[in-house]
Amino acid sequence: MNTARYAARVLSLPLVSTVRDRWRSLDVTVRDGLIALAFTALGFFPPLATIGTRIGELPHRPLDALGIASALAMTLPLVVRRRWPALTLALVVAGFAVQELRGYATFASLGLLVAIYSAGAYLERLRWAVAAGGAVAYALLTVALINAGSPTTADAYPLFLVALTSAWVVGAWIRSYRATEAERRRLAAQTALAAERERIARELHDVVTHHVTAMVVQAGAAQFVASSEEKVTANLVAIGETGRRALGELRDLLGVLDPARRAPMDQLPTLAEVEGLVAQSRAAGQPIELVEEGARPDVGAGRELAAYRVVQEGLTNALKYAAGSRTVVRLGNRPDAVDIEVSTFGAPARPGAGVGGSGRGLAGLRERVELFGGTFHSGPRPDGGFTLTARIPAGESQ
């Protein structure tokens, strides 16, 4: 078992994951305070009290008041290592310098590596200035140790500088990684938001355009039957019914789009409601023939909605661009798929009665159908009409 897999298994243990979650739930200042206290306690713990970094190797001096102060200066400032990393580094460096020049030795000196790492990871401004200042401070400490009679060989100082630089580099890499991850999450959120907006726009288009188009066509037809009170009344009743249907579907759509509510899948339009679509378009004056073959397969709620929207868009386009022309809706039900065809034949019987479109509907339909592994085609007929076809494969029930 490799190390990464073993570490993942250890981290997944209930006790380990509980401790990790509790730790992450604490405020960062509290966590850093606990780290600082731990380093302080280890710095004065008897077995570790005399173990520490001593690059100068000056004669060892037992801890006195100044030694205790220098040890505390290397640990307690870690409480604010994220909020004020430069100040933390300055205090820890001062404590480390006192320790080296006086000959103390404590485990608290490891606080220097933590402070340097924290500066590399959390410092926002003047990063290069702080790095340069640290290099200068280390050079001055080296000179002071040599002048104080340090027996350390000259090659030891560059090696320790490499260790300190490594701590900074690791912190800078962590900072870069976090920034990259934050940017990745931001872009992912933007992509998800754009996709959600597109989905909402597509649903609104499918729901609103069909009903509004029918209302516009019905209102336009009323102009030509103004002399017949019965026909005008029938048109107004049809417009009212279409408006109420539009409001009802809009309420259902807003309920589905509400993130606080679970989508009512059993209330979404299905192929069983295609007859109602056809009847509504007939009421708007469109001669429509509905042909359905075979038993409807169980394609799932999402695919049923997609099939319904295909028929709805086809009828909407018929009302828009071929008002009064013969229209045929064919549903070919197969065990593994549903074939849909909506065709208009010939030029519009009532030129000028239609309304314009944005072209969003067909593009949205193609995306919707292809999402379920289906195919979608649309284009003009030789006789001047238009045909829209789609095949939606059956899937698991949803």
Protein backbone atom coordinates (compact mmCIF):
# COMPACT_ATOMS: atom_id res chain seq x y z
CA MET A 1 0.00 0.00 0.00
CA ASN A 2 1.50 3.33 -1.03
CA THR A 3 1.87 6.22 1.38
CA ALA A 4 -0.91 8.37 -0.12
CA ARG A 5 -3.45 5.55 0.08
CA TYR A 6 -2.43 4.73 3.65
CA ALA A 7 -2.71 8.39 4.66
CA ALA A 8 -6.16 8.61 3.04
CA ARG A 9 -7.30 5.53 4.95
CA VAL A 10 -6.02 6.95 8.23
CA LEU A 11 -7.75 10.28 7.60
CA SER A 12 -11.01 8.48 6.88
CA LEU A 13 -11.06 6.78 10.29
CA PRO A 14 -14.06 8.00 12.37
CA LEU A 15 -11.97 9.30 15.27
CA VAL A 16 -9.48 11.05 12.98
CA SER A 17 -12.19 12.61 10.82
CA THR A 18 -14.09 13.79 13.92
CA VAL A 19 -10.99 15.45 15.37
CA ARG A 20 -10.20 17.01 11.98
CA ASP A 21 -13.71 18.39 11.59
CA ARG A 22 -13.69 19.79 15.12
CA TRP A 23 -10.31 21.40 14.47
CA ARG A 24 -11.47 22.99 11.22
CA SER A 25 -14.61 24.32 12.88
CA LEU A 26 -12.51 26.45 15.27
CA ASP A 27 -11.68 30.04 14.43
CA VAL A 28 -8.23 30.40 12.84
CA THR A 29 -7.03 32.63 15.68
CA VAL A 30 -8.03 29.97 18.19
CA ARG A 31 -6.22 27.31 16.18
CA ASP A 32 -3.08 29.44 15.90
CA GLY A 33 -3.31 30.19 19.62
CA LEU A 34 -3.35 26.47 20.40
CA ILE A 35 -0.36 25.95 18.10
CA ALA A 36 1.52 28.77 19.84
CA LEU A 37 0.73 27.30 23.27
CA ALA A 38 1.87 23.86 22.11
CA PHE A 39 5.23 25.23 20.91
CA THR A 40 5.60 27.18 24.16
CA ALA A 41 4.93 24.09 26.26
CA LEU A 42 7.34 21.98 24.20
CA GLY A 43 9.97 24.70 24.49
CA PHE A 44 10.04 24.29 28.26
CA PHE A 45 9.34 20.55 28.42
CA PRO A 46 12.37 18.98 30.19
CA PRO A 47 13.42 16.46 27.50
CA LEU A 48 13.21 19.16 24.82
CA ALA A 49 14.26 22.18 26.86
CA THR A 50 17.88 21.99 25.66
CA ILE A 51 17.13 20.79 22.12
CA GLY A 52 17.01 23.56 19.59
CA THR A 53 18.68 25.20 16.63
CA ARG A 54 22.17 26.55 17.46
CA ILE A 55 23.83 27.57 14.21
CA GLY A 56 26.45 29.64 15.99
CA GLU A 57 27.44 26.88 18.45
CA LEU A 58 28.40 29.50 21.02
CA PRO A 59 28.98 28.21 24.57
CA HIS A 60 25.72 26.94 26.02
CA ARG A 61 24.05 29.20 28.58
CA PRO A 62 21.27 28.00 30.91
CA LEU A 63 17.91 29.74 30.56
CA ASP A 64 17.54 32.93 32.52
CA ALA A 65 14.94 35.69 32.33
CA LEU A 66 16.26 36.87 28.96
CA GLY A 67 16.36 33.30 27.67
CA ILE A 68 12.75 32.73 28.70
CA ALA A 69 11.77 36.00 27.01
CA SER A 70 13.52 35.00 23.79
CA ALA A 71 11.78 31.60 23.82
CA LEU A 72 8.39 33.22 24.33
CA ALA A 73 9.17 35.66 21.51
CA MET A 74 9.62 32.69 19.18
CA THR A 75 6.30 31.03 20.07
CA LEU A 76 3.62 33.40 21.37
CA PRO A 77 3.59 35.70 18.27
CA LEU A 78 2.43 32.68 16.25
CA VAL A 79 -1.07 33.48 17.54
CA VAL A 80 -1.31 36.24 14.89
CA ARG A 81 0.79 34.55 12.20
CA ARG A 82 -2.06 34.75 9.63
CA ARG A 83 -3.36 38.20 10.53
CA TRP A 84 0.02 39.94 10.89
CA PRO A 85 2.62 37.60 9.36
CA ALA A 86 5.29 40.34 8.95
CA LEU A 87 5.04 41.41 12.60
CA THR A 88 5.10 37.77 13.70
CA LEU A 89 8.23 37.13 11.65
CA ALA A 90 9.98 40.22 13.04
CA LEU A 91 9.30 39.21 16.66
CA VAL A 92 10.32 35.60 16.11
CA VAL A 93 13.54 36.65 14.31
CA ALA A 94 14.39 38.96 17.23
CA GLY A 95 13.87 36.15 19.73
CA PHE A 96 15.93 33.77 17.58
CA ALA A 97 18.78 36.29 17.31
CA VAL A 98 18.89 36.71 21.09
CA GLN A 99 18.94 32.95 21.54
CA GLU A 100 21.82 32.47 19.09
CA LEU A 101 23.94 35.36 20.38
CA ARG A 102 23.44 34.42 24.05
CA GLY A 103 23.94 30.66 23.58
CA TYR A 104 20.48 29.49 24.71
CA ALA A 105 18.94 26.36 23.24
CA THR A 106 15.19 25.58 23.30
CA PHE A 107 12.75 23.69 21.16
CA ALA A 108 10.92 27.01 20.71
CA SER A 109 13.42 27.90 17.96
CA LEU A 110 11.32 25.84 15.52
CA GLY A 111 8.89 28.74 15.68
CA LEU A 112 11.23 30.50 13.25
CA LEU A 113 10.40 28.01 10.47
CA VAL A 114 6.68 28.36 11.20
CA ALA A 115 6.92 32.16 11.09
CA ILE A 116 8.83 32.11 7.78
CA TYR A 117 6.33 29.65 6.29
CA SER A 118 3.45 31.84 7.48
CA ALA A 119 4.99 34.93 5.90
CA GLY A 120 5.35 33.10 2.59
CA ALA A 121 1.78 31.80 2.78
CA TYR A 122 -0.20 34.75 4.18
CA LEU A 123 1.72 37.96 3.56
CA GLU A 124 -0.30 40.13 1.14
CA ARG A 125 1.90 43.15 0.49
CA LEU A 126 5.62 43.94 0.33
CA ARG A 127 6.48 40.26 0.03
CA TRP A 128 9.81 40.84 -1.71
CA ALA A 129 10.70 43.62 0.73
CA VAL A 130 10.10 41.32 3.69
CA ALA A 131 12.07 38.52 2.02
CA ALA A 132 14.97 40.89 1.34
CA GLY A 133 14.80 42.20 4.91
CA GLY A 134 14.95 38.66 6.23
CA ALA A 135 18.01 37.90 4.11
CA VAL A 136 19.74 41.03 5.39
CA ALA A 137 18.86 40.15 9.00
CA TYR A 138 20.31 36.66 8.53
CA ALA A 139 23.51 38.09 7.05
CA LEU A 140 23.87 40.49 10.01
CA LEU A 141 23.27 37.62 12.46
CA THR A 142 25.92 35.55 10.70
CA VAL A 143 28.46 38.36 10.97
CA ALA A 144 27.56 38.89 14.65
CA LEU A 145 27.99 35.20 15.43
CA ILE A 146 31.37 35.06 13.70
CA ASN A 147 32.53 38.16 15.59
CA ALA A 148 31.32 36.56 18.84
CA GLY A 149 33.72 33.68 18.24
CA SER A 150 31.40 31.11 16.71
CA PRO A 151 33.27 27.87 15.89
CA THR A 152 30.74 26.97 13.17
CA THR A 153 32.30 26.37 9.76
CA ALA A 154 31.46 28.79 6.96
CA ASP A 155 29.46 26.20 4.95
CA ALA A 156 26.93 25.72 7.78
CA TYR A 157 25.44 29.20 7.37
CA PRO A 158 24.43 28.80 3.69
CA LEU A 159 22.95 25.37 4.46
CA PHE A 160 20.76 26.81 7.22
CA LEU A 161 19.76 29.63 4.86
CA VAL A 162 18.59 26.98 2.39
CA ALA A 163 16.40 25.47 5.12
CA LEU A 164 14.90 28.87 5.92
CA THR A 165 14.36 29.64 2.24
CA SER A 166 12.65 26.27 1.80
CA ALA A 167 10.13 27.19 4.49
CA TRP A 168 9.34 30.43 2.59
CA VAL A 169 9.07 28.58 -0.73
CA VAL A 170 6.67 26.02 0.73
CA GLY A 171 4.52 28.81 2.14
CA ALA A 172 4.55 30.66 -1.20
CA TRP A 173 3.58 27.45 -3.02
CA ILE A 174 0.68 26.89 -0.62
CA ARG A 175 -0.41 30.48 -1.20
CA SER A 176 -0.27 30.00 -4.97
CA TYR A 177 -2.15 26.70 -4.74
CA ARG A 178 -4.90 28.27 -2.66
CA ALA A 179 -5.19 31.19 -5.07
CA THR A 180 -5.41 28.78 -8.01
CA GLU A 181 -8.07 26.73 -6.24
CA ALA A 182 -10.03 29.86 -5.36
CA GLU A 183 -9.91 30.99 -8.99
CA ARG A 184 -10.96 27.52 -10.13
CA ARG A 185 -13.93 27.56 -7.76
CA ARG A 186 -14.84 31.07 -8.89
CA LEU A 187 -14.80 30.05 -12.54
CA ALA A 188 -16.75 26.89 -11.74
CA ALA A 189 -19.33 28.98 -9.91
CA GLN A 190 -19.55 31.38 -12.85
CA THR A 191 -19.98 28.47 -15.24
CA ALA A 192 -22.68 26.93 -13.07
CA LEU A 193 -24.41 30.30 -12.78
CA ALA A 194 -24.31 30.80 -16.55
CA ALA A 195 -25.66 27.29 -17.10
CA GLU A 196 -28.44 27.92 -14.59
CA ARG A 197 -29.34 31.22 -16.24
CA GLU A 198 -29.41 29.49 -19.62
CA ARG A 199 -31.62 26.76 -18.21
CA ILE A 200 -34.02 29.30 -16.73
CA ALA A 201 -34.06 31.29 -19.98
CA ARG A 202 -34.78 28.10 -21.94
CA GLU A 203 -37.62 27.09 -19.63
CA LEU A 204 -39.12 30.58 -19.69
CA HIS A 205 -38.88 30.63 -23.47
CA ASP A 206 -40.56 27.25 -23.80
CA VAL A 207 -43.34 28.07 -21.33
CA VAL A 208 -44.07 31.69 -22.22
CA THR A 209 -43.46 31.85 -25.95
CA HIS A 210 -45.99 29.17 -26.87
CA HIS A 211 -48.85 30.69 -24.89
CA VAL A 212 -48.07 34.31 -25.76
CA THR A 213 -47.79 33.41 -29.44
CA ALA A 214 -51.19 31.71 -29.29
CA MET A 215 -52.68 34.77 -27.59
CA VAL A 216 -51.20 37.11 -30.21
CA VAL A 217 -52.52 34.98 -33.05
CA GLN A 218 -55.95 34.73 -31.43
CA ALA A 219 -56.08 38.48 -30.86
CA GLY A 220 -55.06 39.08 -34.47
CA ALA A 221 -57.74 36.74 -35.73
CA ALA A 222 -60.35 38.62 -33.70
CA GLN A 223 -59.79 41.64 -35.96
CA PHE A 224 -61.13 39.70 -38.93
CA VAL A 225 -64.27 38.45 -37.18
CA ALA A 226 -65.31 41.68 -35.51
CA SER A 227 -68.68 41.54 -37.27
CA SER A 228 -69.51 38.22 -35.60
CA GLU A 229 -70.17 38.62 -31.90
CA GLU A 230 -70.07 34.87 -31.32
CA LYS A 231 -66.64 34.46 -32.96
CA VAL A 232 -65.24 37.46 -31.10
CA THR A 233 -66.52 35.98 -27.82
CA ALA A 234 -65.00 32.60 -28.67
CA ASN A 235 -61.64 34.24 -29.43
CA LEU A 236 -61.70 36.19 -26.17
CA VAL A 237 -62.55 33.04 -24.22
CA ALA A 238 -59.66 31.22 -25.93
CA ILE A 239 -57.30 34.10 -25.08
CA GLY A 240 -58.42 33.99 -21.44
CA GLU A 241 -57.92 30.22 -21.22
CA THR A 242 -54.48 30.51 -22.81
CA GLY A 243 -53.50 33.25 -20.35
CA ARG A 244 -54.63 31.17 -17.37
CA ARG A 245 -52.71 28.18 -18.68
CA ALA A 246 -49.60 30.35 -19.09
CA LEU A 247 -49.92 31.65 -15.51
CA GLY A 248 -50.35 28.11 -14.20
CA GLU A 249 -47.26 26.83 -16.01
CA LEU A 250 -45.28 29.85 -14.86
CA ARG A 251 -46.20 29.11 -11.24
CA ASP A 252 -45.12 25.49 -11.69
CA LEU A 253 -41.87 26.62 -13.33
CA LEU A 254 -41.06 29.06 -10.54
CA GLY A 255 -41.70 26.28 -8.03
CA VAL A 256 -39.27 24.00 -9.87
CA LEU A 257 -36.62 26.74 -10.04
CA ASP A 258 -36.91 27.53 -6.32
CA PRO A 259 -33.75 26.02 -4.74
CA ALA A 260 -35.54 25.69 -1.40
CA ARG A 261 -38.13 23.35 -2.88
CA ARG A 262 -37.78 19.92 -4.37
CA ALA A 263 -38.82 19.82 -8.00
CA PRO A 264 -42.33 18.26 -8.29
CA MET A 265 -41.42 15.75 -11.02
CA ASP A 266 -44.97 14.40 -11.14
CA GLN A 267 -46.26 17.86 -12.09
CA LEU A 268 -43.96 18.41 -15.06
CA PRO A 269 -45.58 18.29 -18.53
CA THR A 270 -45.52 14.87 -20.20
CA LEU A 271 -46.40 13.38 -23.59
CA ALA A 272 -49.88 12.67 -22.24
CA GLU A 273 -50.52 16.44 -22.37
CA VAL A 274 -49.62 16.81 -26.04
CA GLU A 275 -53.30 16.55 -26.91
CA GLY A 276 -53.94 19.64 -24.81
CA LEU A 277 -51.20 21.51 -26.70
CA VAL A 278 -52.78 20.52 -29.99
CA ALA A 279 -56.23 21.60 -28.81
CA GLN A 280 -54.88 24.96 -27.69
CA SER A 281 -53.24 25.58 -31.06
CA ARG A 282 -56.42 24.55 -32.85
CA ALA A 283 -58.29 27.11 -30.77
CA ALA A 284 -55.89 29.70 -32.13
CA GLY A 285 -57.00 28.76 -35.65
CA GLN A 286 -54.22 26.37 -36.63
CA PRO A 287 -55.39 23.21 -38.46
CA ILE A 288 -53.44 20.43 -36.73
CA GLU A 289 -53.48 16.67 -37.13
CA LEU A 290 -52.09 14.53 -34.31
CA VAL A 291 -50.86 11.05 -35.21
CA GLU A 292 -49.54 8.74 -32.49
CA GLU A 293 -48.28 5.23 -33.09
CA GLY A 294 -47.35 2.52 -30.59
CA ALA A 295 -47.47 2.37 -26.81
CA ARG A 296 -45.63 5.09 -24.95
CA PRO A 297 -42.41 3.79 -23.38
CA ASP A 298 -41.28 4.73 -19.89
CA VAL A 299 -38.57 7.23 -20.82
CA GLY A 300 -38.33 9.06 -17.49
CA ALA A 301 -39.59 12.46 -16.34
CA GLY A 302 -36.70 14.48 -17.78
CA ARG A 303 -37.02 12.89 -21.23
CA GLU A 304 -40.83 13.24 -21.15
CA LEU A 305 -40.39 16.96 -20.50
CA ALA A 306 -37.89 17.24 -23.36
CA ALA A 307 -40.31 15.46 -25.74
CA TYR A 308 -43.15 17.72 -24.64
CA ARG A 309 -41.00 20.82 -25.24
CA VAL A 310 -40.12 19.60 -28.75
CA VAL A 311 -43.81 19.38 -29.67
CA GLN A 312 -44.51 22.70 -27.95
CA GLU A 313 -41.76 24.50 -29.86
CA GLY A 314 -42.88 22.95 -33.14
CA LEU A 315 -46.44 24.18 -32.62
CA THR A 316 -45.20 27.59 -31.50
CA ASN A 317 -43.17 27.96 -34.70
CA ALA A 318 -46.18 26.83 -36.73
CA LEU A 319 -48.25 29.63 -35.18
CA LYS A 320 -45.43 32.13 -35.67
CA TYR A 321 -44.34 31.41 -39.23
CA ALA A 322 -47.07 29.28 -40.81
CA ALA A 323 -50.29 30.58 -39.30
CA GLY A 324 -53.27 28.82 -40.91
CA SER A 325 -51.16 26.19 -42.68
CA ARG A 326 -51.79 22.48 -42.28
CA THR A 327 -49.67 21.09 -39.46
CA VAL A 328 -49.03 17.45 -38.58
CA VAL A 329 -47.66 16.19 -35.27
CA ARG A 330 -46.39 12.58 -35.33
CA LEU A 331 -45.38 10.63 -32.25
CA GLY A 332 -43.69 7.33 -32.98
CA ASN A 333 -43.52 5.38 -29.74
CA ARG A 334 -40.94 2.58 -29.67
CA PRO A 335 -39.72 0.41 -26.79
CA ASP A 336 -36.37 2.18 -26.73
CA ALA A 337 -37.19 5.71 -27.92
CA VAL A 338 -39.78 8.29 -28.91
CA ASP A 339 -39.66 9.76 -32.43
CA ILE A 340 -41.24 13.20 -32.80
CA GLU A 341 -42.02 15.07 -36.00
CA VAL A 342 -43.81 18.39 -36.34
CA SER A 343 -44.34 19.53 -39.95
CA THR A 344 -46.09 22.44 -41.62
CA PHE A 345 -47.07 22.19 -45.29
CA GLY A 346 -46.97 25.07 -47.73
CA ALA A 347 -46.79 28.81 -47.19
CA PRO A 348 -48.76 30.47 -44.37
CA ALA A 349 -52.49 30.56 -45.09
CA ARG A 350 -52.70 33.91 -43.28
CA PRO A 351 -49.59 35.87 -44.33
CA GLY A 352 -48.48 38.39 -41.77
CA ALA A 353 -50.42 36.79 -38.94
CA GLY A 354 -47.32 35.33 -37.30
CA VAL A 355 -44.90 36.94 -34.87
CA GLY A 356 -41.13 37.09 -34.96
CA GLY A 357 -38.74 34.97 -32.90
CA SER A 358 -35.27 35.12 -31.41
CA GLY A 359 -33.99 31.74 -32.62
CA ARG A 360 -33.37 30.70 -29.00
CA GLY A 361 -36.00 27.94 -29.07
CA LEU A 362 -34.43 25.60 -31.63
CA ALA A 363 -30.94 26.00 -30.13
CA GLY A 364 -32.29 25.28 -26.67
CA LEU A 365 -34.18 22.24 -27.93
CA ARG A 366 -31.07 20.81 -29.54
CA GLU A 367 -29.15 21.14 -26.27
CA ARG A 368 -32.01 19.64 -24.29
CA VAL A 369 -32.43 16.62 -26.60
CA GLU A 370 -28.69 15.95 -26.97
CA LEU A 371 -28.35 16.08 -23.19
CA PHE A 372 -30.30 12.81 -23.10
CA GLY A 373 -28.33 11.25 -25.96
CA GLY A 374 -30.98 12.04 -28.56
CA THR A 375 -30.87 13.64 -32.00
CA PHE A 376 -32.55 16.79 -33.26
CA HIS A 377 -32.99 18.20 -36.77
CA SER A 378 -34.95 21.07 -38.24
CA GLY A 379 -35.18 22.69 -41.65
CA PRO A 380 -37.42 23.90 -44.50
CA ARG A 381 -39.47 21.61 -46.74
CA PRO A 382 -39.45 21.76 -50.54
CA ASP A 383 -43.07 22.99 -50.57
CA GLY A 384 -42.20 26.00 -48.40
CA GLY A 385 -43.14 24.41 -45.09
CA PHE A 386 -40.94 23.39 -42.20
CA THR A 387 -40.14 20.12 -40.42
CA LEU A 388 -38.80 19.55 -36.94
CA THR A 389 -37.76 16.04 -35.90
CA ALA A 390 -36.28 14.58 -32.72
CA ARG A 391 -35.52 11.15 -31.31
CA ILE A 392 -35.35 10.82 -27.55
CA PRO A 393 -34.04 7.47 -26.26
CA ALA A 394 -35.66 5.80 -23.31
CA GLY A 395 -33.88 5.97 -19.98
CA GLU A 396 -34.33 5.03 -16.36
CA SER A 397 -37.46 6.25 -14.66
CA GLN A 398 -36.88 9.44 -12.72
